[in-house]
Every structure is written in structure tokens, then in C-alpha cells.
Amino acid sequence: MACDLTRSRTRNCKNSIGGNSKLFLYNSLEDAFTVVASEATSMNVALTEAYAYELEGDLNTLEEVIIGERQNGTRFNTQTLTISLKGMSAADAAEFNLLASSFSQGVIKDRNGNFLCLGLDDGMDWQITATTGGAKGDLSGYTIVGTATTAELAPTMDSATETAFLAVVV
């Protein structure tokens, strides 16, 4: 049966670190990546531009919750990406107005060097919060939340796909 388990998992060493270091956004593209067994193994040649956002600090998270629903016979994954970008500008506001209107997709690079593909099924919905904070130590900048529902957990890029993808970052 296609849903029977196929492998065990041993105890991992304490050699990974939480958090994310970079976000890449690109305009929604059907079949942006070919995914085989939860790994993005190639990139669609129509993907010609992606935009990089450097992430700093500990407020940049990705959470995925996959639910198998026995009653309905369905499975779906909700991806929630939350990032914090310090500083505000008219150029940022204009770009984030576009982002909120878009179905852009994303790739997040975690602090372990993994590239995870987000929103592949239908793109992502975006919530932008601009804040100047209340205290001198508060954030003056943007909190961006991207949400997507997909069929599976985010695929990880193989090294050749990472190289191809990084070549289109402008």
C-alpha cells in the first residue's frame, strides 16, 4: 500500500541549530521545482528571478503542521513563515504592498544550510505588519507572515538545484 511506512529513524547527534538565515521570494510559478521523494531535484527554467532577504536574529521562523484526516481521507500541510525585518522605507513599503497582493512563493535557507521550498502548490498568502514599537528597544520595521497550504512538508533542494536557484537571485 502506498501509505505504509518504509524506514526507521535513529537518534540524531546534537549538531543542528534552529533558525533561518535567508529568505528568497519569487513570483508564483506553476511547477517551479521538480520534487522526488521530498527533494527538489531540478528547477523550472521559467524561474529567472528571485529576491534575497537577509535574516538576522531569532525572530525568523518556519513552522509546518501536516495533518492526516482519517474521517475525510485527506492530508494537508500548513506552512507558516514569520520573519522580522528591521528598518522602514518607502521602497520597502511599496514592495511589501506588492507582496501582500501576490501569490509569491519562497525558499528559506535555514542555519544548517538547508534550502526549503515553500508554497509550491498555490503560492503563499502574505500579512505585512509595519511597526515603530513603543520603547526605544522595540522593533522599528516589518513583521511578515507567509502562509500556505500544501499537500506535503516542504521539500529540501539538492545541491545542483541550490546552485541553479542561486544563479537566478538578483
Foldseek 3Di string as FASTA:
>chain_A
DVPDDDDDDDDDDPDDDFFFFKKKKDAADACQFDDDPLEGEAGDPVGQEIEMDTADDDFWDWDKDWDQDPVVRAIKIKIKTKGWDADDDPVVVVVVVVVQVGLMWMWIQTPVRWTWTGQNPGGWHKDKDADPDDDPPDGHGIMMMTIHMDRDGTGTYDPVNVVVVVVNYD
